[in-house]
Amino acid sequence: MMARLAIPGGTSILGVAGAILLAAGCSGTDPQAEPVEFTVPPGASFSQVADTLVAHDLVRYPFAFRALARVRGDDRGIRSGRYRVPADVGWFQLLDQLVAGRVVTVPLTIPEGFTLRQIAPRVAQVTELEVEDVRRRIEDEKAGEEWQVPGPGLEGYLFPDTYHFAPGVSLDTVLQVMTDRYRSFWTEETRAEAEALGLTEQEATTLAAIVQAEARHEEEMRVISGVFHNRLRIGYLLQADPTIQYALEERRSRLLYADIEAVEDHPYNTYTQPGLPPGPIGAPGRAALEATLDPAEVEYLYFVARPDGSHIFSRTLAEHNRARVNARREWDEIERRRQSGN
């Protein structure tokens, strides 16, 4: 049988208040004990919450706890969710946490450049949904309109960042937070920068996604952006390998001309289709977006990747062809060393 709280001073108000304060500050639990986790279901009454806290040995005197909550006005402000608190937590701290809704959260990290196909499993884990159900929802062509992003869908608009959500959070909540984070980038200033470059928000995000995919080193982003802006300005095809990878829907370690021919008429094939593709090929981060809106003033029209992820930039096709030969030699040397075990 649970011990009753003895109220000193008879039934006076001061006596009751003193007893409540005494109980609130004395949990009687070992401060070295493991933290306690409990769940407040949606719609639970305060009495039910108090019973849960008693069952987890966080409250020894439920009458006094309820009285304290009523005095503070907290008995109607408890939020549902999964909580984790110290075993010796005081009542004031406990009520503060319940009213503030400081629930247990898990991180959701979306790296820069991730596609919807790559994002879906991570979102499924935090929402506790099936991956295919998440994919079906986020890959819906109408999702862009639903979440008020430029589209054509959500590709490129679930902003890469680390978020924290309660386990089992709704998919709608996740999508709202991620698209809000994307929209926060677009201020009057960034929109003006895009307009000065002759780009819409959608076009800028699309180009930023290509810059993100091409750049292994952030310090090269503005130069890569400058190359693409130059090619767009004079009407050259972008010829960006990442758009071919996107069109293929299955990443290749090394692209061949046969891969380009396999998606010859695909709208994302920038080797055959002029201008920008219809939409982003992944989620660009802030650095790529900023580089797209502030390209380096360079004369380069070409670049080729080296094994360390850096690029050789060239002004003319002749220079570019020589750079490709040099880069190929570096790649071949890496492969030779790999095969020889050195």
Protein backbone atom coordinates (compact mmCIF):
# COMPACT_ATOMS: atom_id res chain seq x y z
CA MET A 1 0.00 0.00 0.00
CA MET A 2 1.34 3.41 -0.92
CA ALA A 3 2.46 5.64 1.96
CA ARG A 4 0.26 8.65 2.62
CA LEU A 5 1.67 12.14 2.83
CA ALA A 6 1.55 13.46 6.37
CA ILE A 7 0.48 17.12 6.37
CA PRO A 8 2.12 19.07 9.18
CA GLY A 9 0.13 21.81 10.92
CA GLY A 10 -3.29 20.19 10.57
CA THR A 11 -5.26 21.25 7.49
CA SER A 12 -4.03 24.83 7.22
CA ILE A 13 -3.20 26.18 3.76
CA LEU A 14 0.38 26.89 4.83
CA GLY A 15 0.70 23.34 6.07
CA VAL A 16 -0.54 21.89 2.79
CA ALA A 17 1.76 24.18 0.80
CA GLY A 18 4.73 23.23 2.94
CA ALA A 19 4.03 19.54 2.51
CA ILE A 20 3.74 19.91 -1.27
CA LEU A 21 7.02 21.79 -1.49
CA LEU A 22 8.70 19.21 0.72
CA ALA A 23 7.45 16.34 -1.43
CA ALA A 24 8.28 18.14 -4.66
CA GLY A 25 11.91 18.44 -3.72
CA CYS A 26 12.38 14.97 -2.27
CA SER A 27 11.95 12.11 -4.72
CA GLY A 28 13.70 9.60 -2.49
CA THR A 29 15.20 7.99 -5.61
CA ASP A 30 18.87 7.15 -6.05
CA PRO A 31 20.35 9.94 -8.20
CA GLN A 32 22.69 7.35 -9.76
CA ALA A 33 19.78 5.29 -11.07
CA GLU A 34 19.18 4.98 -14.82
CA PRO A 35 16.95 7.65 -16.43
CA VAL A 36 13.28 6.75 -16.63
CA GLU A 37 11.28 6.63 -19.87
CA PHE A 38 7.51 6.84 -20.00
CA THR A 39 4.80 7.75 -22.49
CA VAL A 40 1.94 10.21 -22.19
CA PRO A 41 -0.72 9.04 -24.68
CA PRO A 42 -2.65 11.65 -26.69
CA GLY A 43 -5.78 12.71 -24.81
CA ALA A 44 -4.64 11.34 -21.44
CA SER A 45 -6.16 13.06 -18.40
CA PHE A 46 -3.88 14.53 -15.76
CA SER A 47 -4.95 11.82 -13.31
CA GLN A 48 -3.81 9.21 -15.83
CA VAL A 49 -0.50 11.03 -16.25
CA ALA A 50 -0.02 11.15 -12.49
CA ASP A 51 -0.77 7.40 -12.24
CA THR A 52 1.89 6.74 -14.90
CA LEU A 53 4.42 8.80 -12.95
CA VAL A 54 3.58 6.91 -9.75
CA ALA A 55 4.00 3.59 -11.57
CA HIS A 56 7.49 4.67 -12.69
CA ASP A 57 8.46 5.78 -9.13
CA LEU A 58 8.78 9.41 -10.21
CA VAL A 59 6.00 10.57 -7.87
CA ARG A 60 5.54 9.14 -4.37
CA TYR A 61 2.65 11.35 -3.27
CA PRO A 62 0.07 11.68 -6.09
CA PHE A 63 -2.35 13.87 -4.08
CA ALA A 64 0.34 16.46 -3.42
CA PHE A 65 1.58 16.22 -7.03
CA ARG A 66 -1.90 16.90 -8.38
CA ALA A 67 -2.31 19.81 -5.98
CA LEU A 68 1.00 21.31 -7.09
CA ALA A 69 0.04 20.97 -10.75
CA ARG A 70 -3.31 22.68 -10.12
CA VAL A 71 -1.66 25.55 -8.25
CA ARG A 72 0.79 26.04 -11.13
CA GLY A 73 -1.93 25.67 -13.76
CA ASP A 74 -0.06 22.76 -15.33
CA ASP A 75 -2.78 20.12 -14.95
CA ARG A 76 -4.36 21.14 -18.27
CA GLY A 77 -1.16 21.79 -20.21
CA ILE A 78 0.57 18.40 -20.32
CA ARG A 79 1.70 17.36 -23.81
CA SER A 80 1.68 13.83 -25.13
CA GLY A 81 4.80 11.98 -26.24
CA ARG A 82 7.68 9.84 -25.12
CA TYR A 83 9.70 11.30 -22.23
CA ARG A 84 13.06 10.49 -20.66
CA VAL A 85 13.89 12.08 -17.29
CA PRO A 86 16.43 11.58 -14.48
CA ALA A 87 15.25 9.06 -11.89
CA ASP A 88 15.56 11.72 -9.14
CA VAL A 89 13.89 14.51 -11.11
CA GLY A 90 12.11 17.11 -8.97
CA TRP A 91 8.42 17.82 -9.48
CA PHE A 92 8.94 21.37 -10.71
CA GLN A 93 11.41 20.21 -13.37
CA LEU A 94 9.16 17.27 -14.25
CA LEU A 95 6.10 19.49 -14.74
CA ASP A 96 8.16 22.01 -16.73
CA GLN A 97 9.25 19.23 -19.10
CA LEU A 98 5.73 17.84 -19.49
CA VAL A 99 4.21 21.24 -20.21
CA ALA A 100 7.00 22.24 -22.60
CA GLY A 101 6.67 18.89 -24.40
CA ARG A 102 10.41 18.17 -24.24
CA VAL A 103 9.97 14.63 -25.53
CA VAL A 104 12.57 12.06 -26.54
CA THR A 105 13.85 12.77 -30.05
CA VAL A 106 15.97 10.93 -32.60
CA PRO A 107 18.22 12.61 -35.18
CA LEU A 108 17.38 12.59 -38.87
CA THR A 109 20.42 13.53 -40.96
CA ILE A 110 20.04 14.23 -44.67
CA PRO A 111 23.43 14.76 -46.36
CA GLU A 112 23.84 17.32 -49.13
CA GLY A 113 23.04 15.94 -52.56
CA PHE A 114 20.77 13.12 -51.41
CA THR A 115 17.98 12.14 -53.78
CA LEU A 116 14.45 11.23 -52.71
CA ARG A 117 15.35 7.57 -53.20
CA GLN A 118 18.19 7.99 -50.67
CA ILE A 119 16.14 10.12 -48.29
CA ALA A 120 13.18 7.73 -48.06
CA PRO A 121 14.81 5.04 -45.84
CA ARG A 122 15.97 7.62 -43.31
CA VAL A 123 12.56 9.26 -43.12
CA ALA A 124 10.93 5.83 -42.85
CA GLN A 125 13.08 5.04 -39.84
CA VAL A 126 12.05 8.11 -37.85
CA THR A 127 8.38 7.95 -38.89
CA GLU A 128 8.26 4.18 -38.32
CA LEU A 129 6.65 3.69 -41.74
CA GLU A 130 7.53 1.30 -44.55
CA VAL A 131 10.13 2.67 -46.97
CA GLU A 132 7.89 2.06 -49.97
CA ASP A 133 5.05 3.99 -48.32
CA VAL A 134 7.37 6.95 -47.75
CA ARG A 135 8.72 6.76 -51.30
CA ARG A 136 5.25 6.63 -52.76
CA ARG A 137 4.32 9.80 -50.88
CA ILE A 138 7.44 11.89 -51.44
CA GLU A 139 7.89 10.85 -55.08
CA ASP A 140 4.34 11.80 -55.98
CA GLU A 141 4.46 14.37 -58.78
CA LYS A 142 1.82 16.47 -56.96
CA ALA A 143 3.86 16.64 -53.74
CA GLY A 144 5.66 19.78 -54.86
CA GLU A 145 2.41 21.65 -55.16
CA GLU A 146 1.13 20.20 -51.87
CA TRP A 147 4.17 21.44 -49.94
CA GLN A 148 4.45 24.72 -51.86
CA VAL A 149 7.85 24.28 -53.49
CA PRO A 150 8.68 25.01 -57.14
CA GLY A 151 8.60 21.36 -58.20
CA PRO A 152 8.07 19.48 -60.39
CA GLY A 153 7.98 17.29 -57.24
CA LEU A 154 9.83 17.28 -53.92
CA GLU A 155 13.19 16.30 -55.43
CA GLY A 156 15.72 18.89 -54.28
CA TYR A 157 13.42 20.61 -51.79
CA LEU A 158 13.80 18.42 -48.67
CA PHE A 159 16.61 20.51 -47.29
CA PRO A 160 19.76 18.65 -46.19
CA ASP A 161 20.38 19.13 -42.48
CA THR A 162 20.21 17.29 -39.16
CA TYR A 163 16.74 17.39 -37.66
CA HIS A 164 15.38 16.00 -34.38
CA PHE A 165 11.97 14.37 -34.25
CA ALA A 166 10.05 12.29 -31.76
CA PRO A 167 9.99 8.59 -32.74
CA GLY A 168 6.91 7.83 -34.79
CA VAL A 169 6.47 11.46 -35.86
CA SER A 170 4.00 11.88 -38.70
CA LEU A 171 5.34 12.05 -42.24
CA ASP A 172 3.44 15.30 -42.75
CA THR A 173 5.35 16.89 -39.87
CA VAL A 174 8.70 15.77 -41.29
CA LEU A 175 7.91 17.10 -44.76
CA GLN A 176 6.61 20.38 -43.34
CA VAL A 177 9.77 20.97 -41.30
CA MET A 178 12.11 20.07 -44.17
CA THR A 179 10.35 22.17 -46.79
CA ASP A 180 10.10 25.06 -44.31
CA ARG A 181 13.87 24.78 -43.89
CA TYR A 182 14.28 24.97 -47.68
CA ARG A 183 12.00 28.00 -47.96
CA SER A 184 13.92 29.80 -45.20
CA PHE A 185 16.85 30.12 -47.62
CA TRP A 186 14.80 32.12 -50.05
CA THR A 187 14.71 35.68 -48.76
CA GLU A 188 14.15 38.89 -50.68
CA GLU A 189 17.93 39.12 -51.06
CA THR A 190 18.47 35.62 -52.48
CA ARG A 191 15.50 36.00 -54.82
CA ALA A 192 16.99 39.26 -56.09
CA GLU A 193 20.35 37.52 -56.65
CA ALA A 194 18.67 34.80 -58.69
CA GLU A 195 16.72 37.32 -60.72
CA ALA A 196 19.92 39.26 -61.47
CA LEU A 197 21.34 36.06 -62.96
CA GLY A 198 18.22 35.50 -65.04
CA LEU A 199 17.15 32.50 -62.97
CA THR A 200 13.91 31.56 -61.31
CA GLU A 201 13.95 29.92 -57.89
CA GLN A 202 13.38 26.54 -59.52
CA GLU A 203 16.19 27.06 -62.03
CA ALA A 204 18.60 28.22 -59.34
CA THR A 205 17.82 25.19 -57.16
CA THR A 206 18.18 22.90 -60.17
CA LEU A 207 21.60 24.32 -61.05
CA ALA A 208 22.65 24.23 -57.38
CA ALA A 209 21.83 20.51 -57.28
CA ILE A 210 24.20 19.94 -60.21
CA VAL A 211 26.91 22.04 -58.56
CA GLN A 212 26.41 20.02 -55.38
CA ALA A 213 26.78 16.74 -57.24
CA GLU A 214 29.89 17.85 -59.14
CA ALA A 215 31.79 19.42 -56.24
CA ARG A 216 33.71 17.16 -53.88
CA HIS A 217 35.42 20.19 -52.35
CA GLU A 218 33.32 23.14 -51.21
CA GLU A 219 36.03 25.65 -52.18
CA GLU A 220 35.52 24.72 -55.85
CA MET A 221 31.77 25.28 -55.86
CA ARG A 222 31.85 28.89 -57.03
CA VAL A 223 34.23 28.02 -59.89
CA ILE A 224 32.09 25.07 -61.00
CA SER A 225 29.07 27.35 -60.79
CA GLY A 226 30.90 29.90 -62.94
CA VAL A 227 31.60 27.25 -65.60
CA PHE A 228 27.95 26.26 -65.82
CA HIS A 229 26.78 29.87 -65.91
CA ASN A 230 29.23 30.50 -68.77
CA ARG A 231 27.96 27.50 -70.73
CA LEU A 232 24.33 28.47 -70.21
CA ARG A 233 25.03 32.05 -71.30
CA ILE A 234 26.60 31.07 -74.65
CA GLY A 235 24.23 28.19 -75.33
CA TYR A 236 26.58 25.26 -74.73
CA LEU A 237 25.18 21.97 -73.49
CA LEU A 238 25.90 21.56 -69.76
CA GLN A 239 27.21 17.99 -70.25
CA ALA A 240 27.02 17.30 -66.52
CA ASP A 241 27.68 13.65 -65.67
CA PRO A 242 25.50 13.68 -62.50
CA THR A 243 22.42 14.34 -64.61
CA ILE A 244 23.15 11.15 -66.57
CA GLN A 245 23.51 9.23 -63.29
CA TYR A 246 20.14 10.62 -62.25
CA ALA A 247 18.52 9.64 -65.54
CA LEU A 248 19.93 6.11 -65.26
CA GLU A 249 18.43 5.75 -61.74
CA GLU A 250 21.35 3.50 -60.85
CA ARG A 251 24.71 5.00 -60.05
CA ARG A 252 27.69 3.92 -62.18
CA SER A 253 31.25 4.11 -60.84
CA ARG A 254 32.32 5.24 -64.32
CA LEU A 255 30.09 6.60 -67.06
CA LEU A 256 30.48 5.30 -70.61
CA TYR A 257 29.18 6.73 -73.87
CA ALA A 258 26.79 3.77 -73.93
CA ASP A 259 25.23 5.10 -70.72
CA ILE A 260 24.68 8.51 -72.30
CA GLU A 261 23.16 6.87 -75.38
CA ALA A 262 20.91 4.70 -73.20
CA VAL A 263 19.12 7.82 -71.96
CA GLU A 264 19.57 9.88 -75.14
CA ASP A 265 16.08 11.39 -75.12
CA HIS A 266 15.71 11.64 -71.35
CA PRO A 267 14.88 15.23 -70.24
CA TYR A 268 17.67 15.05 -67.63
CA ASN A 269 20.33 14.12 -70.20
CA THR A 270 22.33 17.34 -70.38
CA TYR A 271 24.56 15.86 -73.10
CA THR A 272 21.64 15.91 -75.54
CA GLN A 273 19.09 18.34 -74.04
CA PRO A 274 19.87 22.08 -74.01
CA GLY A 275 19.68 24.25 -70.92
CA LEU A 276 18.80 23.08 -67.44
CA PRO A 277 16.95 19.84 -66.73
CA PRO A 278 13.29 20.06 -65.61
CA GLY A 279 14.16 20.06 -61.90
CA PRO A 280 16.82 19.31 -59.27
CA ILE A 281 18.67 15.97 -59.28
CA GLY A 282 19.14 15.96 -55.50
CA ALA A 283 19.01 18.21 -52.47
CA PRO A 284 21.55 21.06 -52.65
CA GLY A 285 22.89 22.44 -49.39
CA ARG A 286 23.32 26.07 -48.45
CA ALA A 287 26.89 26.26 -49.79
CA ALA A 288 25.84 25.01 -53.23
CA LEU A 289 22.87 27.38 -53.37
CA GLU A 290 25.07 30.31 -52.37
CA ALA A 291 27.70 29.34 -54.95
CA THR A 292 25.03 29.17 -57.64
CA LEU A 293 23.84 32.67 -56.80
CA ASP A 294 27.41 34.01 -56.56
CA PRO A 295 29.42 32.28 -59.32
CA ALA A 296 33.12 32.97 -59.69
CA GLU A 297 33.98 35.29 -62.56
CA VAL A 298 36.06 32.88 -64.61
CA GLU A 299 36.61 32.20 -68.30
CA TYR A 300 36.49 28.43 -67.91
CA LEU A 301 34.08 26.38 -70.00
CA TYR A 302 35.24 22.88 -69.05
CA PHE A 303 36.43 20.85 -66.10
CA VAL A 304 37.45 17.25 -65.47
CA ALA A 305 37.64 15.40 -62.16
CA ARG A 306 40.86 14.08 -60.66
CA PRO A 307 41.07 11.04 -58.32
CA ASP A 308 41.27 13.26 -55.22
CA GLY A 309 37.95 14.89 -56.10
CA SER A 310 39.46 18.17 -57.27
CA HIS A 311 39.04 19.39 -60.85
CA ILE A 312 41.20 20.65 -63.69
CA PHE A 313 39.51 23.70 -65.25
CA SER A 314 40.04 24.70 -68.89
CA ARG A 315 39.13 27.59 -71.16
CA THR A 316 39.24 25.82 -74.53
CA LEU A 317 38.37 22.37 -75.83
CA ALA A 318 42.02 21.74 -76.68
CA GLU A 319 43.04 22.51 -73.09
CA HIS A 320 40.24 20.32 -71.85
CA ASN A 321 41.30 17.37 -73.99
CA ARG A 322 44.84 17.62 -72.59
CA ALA A 323 43.42 17.84 -69.06
CA ARG A 324 41.34 14.72 -69.70
CA VAL A 325 44.44 12.81 -70.78
CA ASN A 326 46.32 13.90 -67.65
CA ALA A 327 43.39 13.04 -65.40
CA ARG A 328 43.01 9.67 -67.09
CA ARG A 329 46.66 8.91 -66.35
CA GLU A 330 46.08 9.70 -62.68
CA TRP A 331 43.03 7.44 -62.58
CA ASP A 332 44.93 4.64 -64.33
CA GLU A 333 47.79 4.94 -61.85
CA ILE A 334 45.34 4.65 -58.96
CA GLU A 335 43.87 1.52 -60.55
CA ARG A 336 47.34 0.04 -61.18
CA ARG A 337 48.31 0.56 -57.54
CA ARG A 338 45.02 -0.94 -56.37
CA GLN A 339 45.53 -4.07 -58.44
CA SER A 340 49.16 -4.45 -57.31
CA GLY A 341 48.19 -3.94 -53.67
CA ASN A 342 50.41 -0.85 -53.20
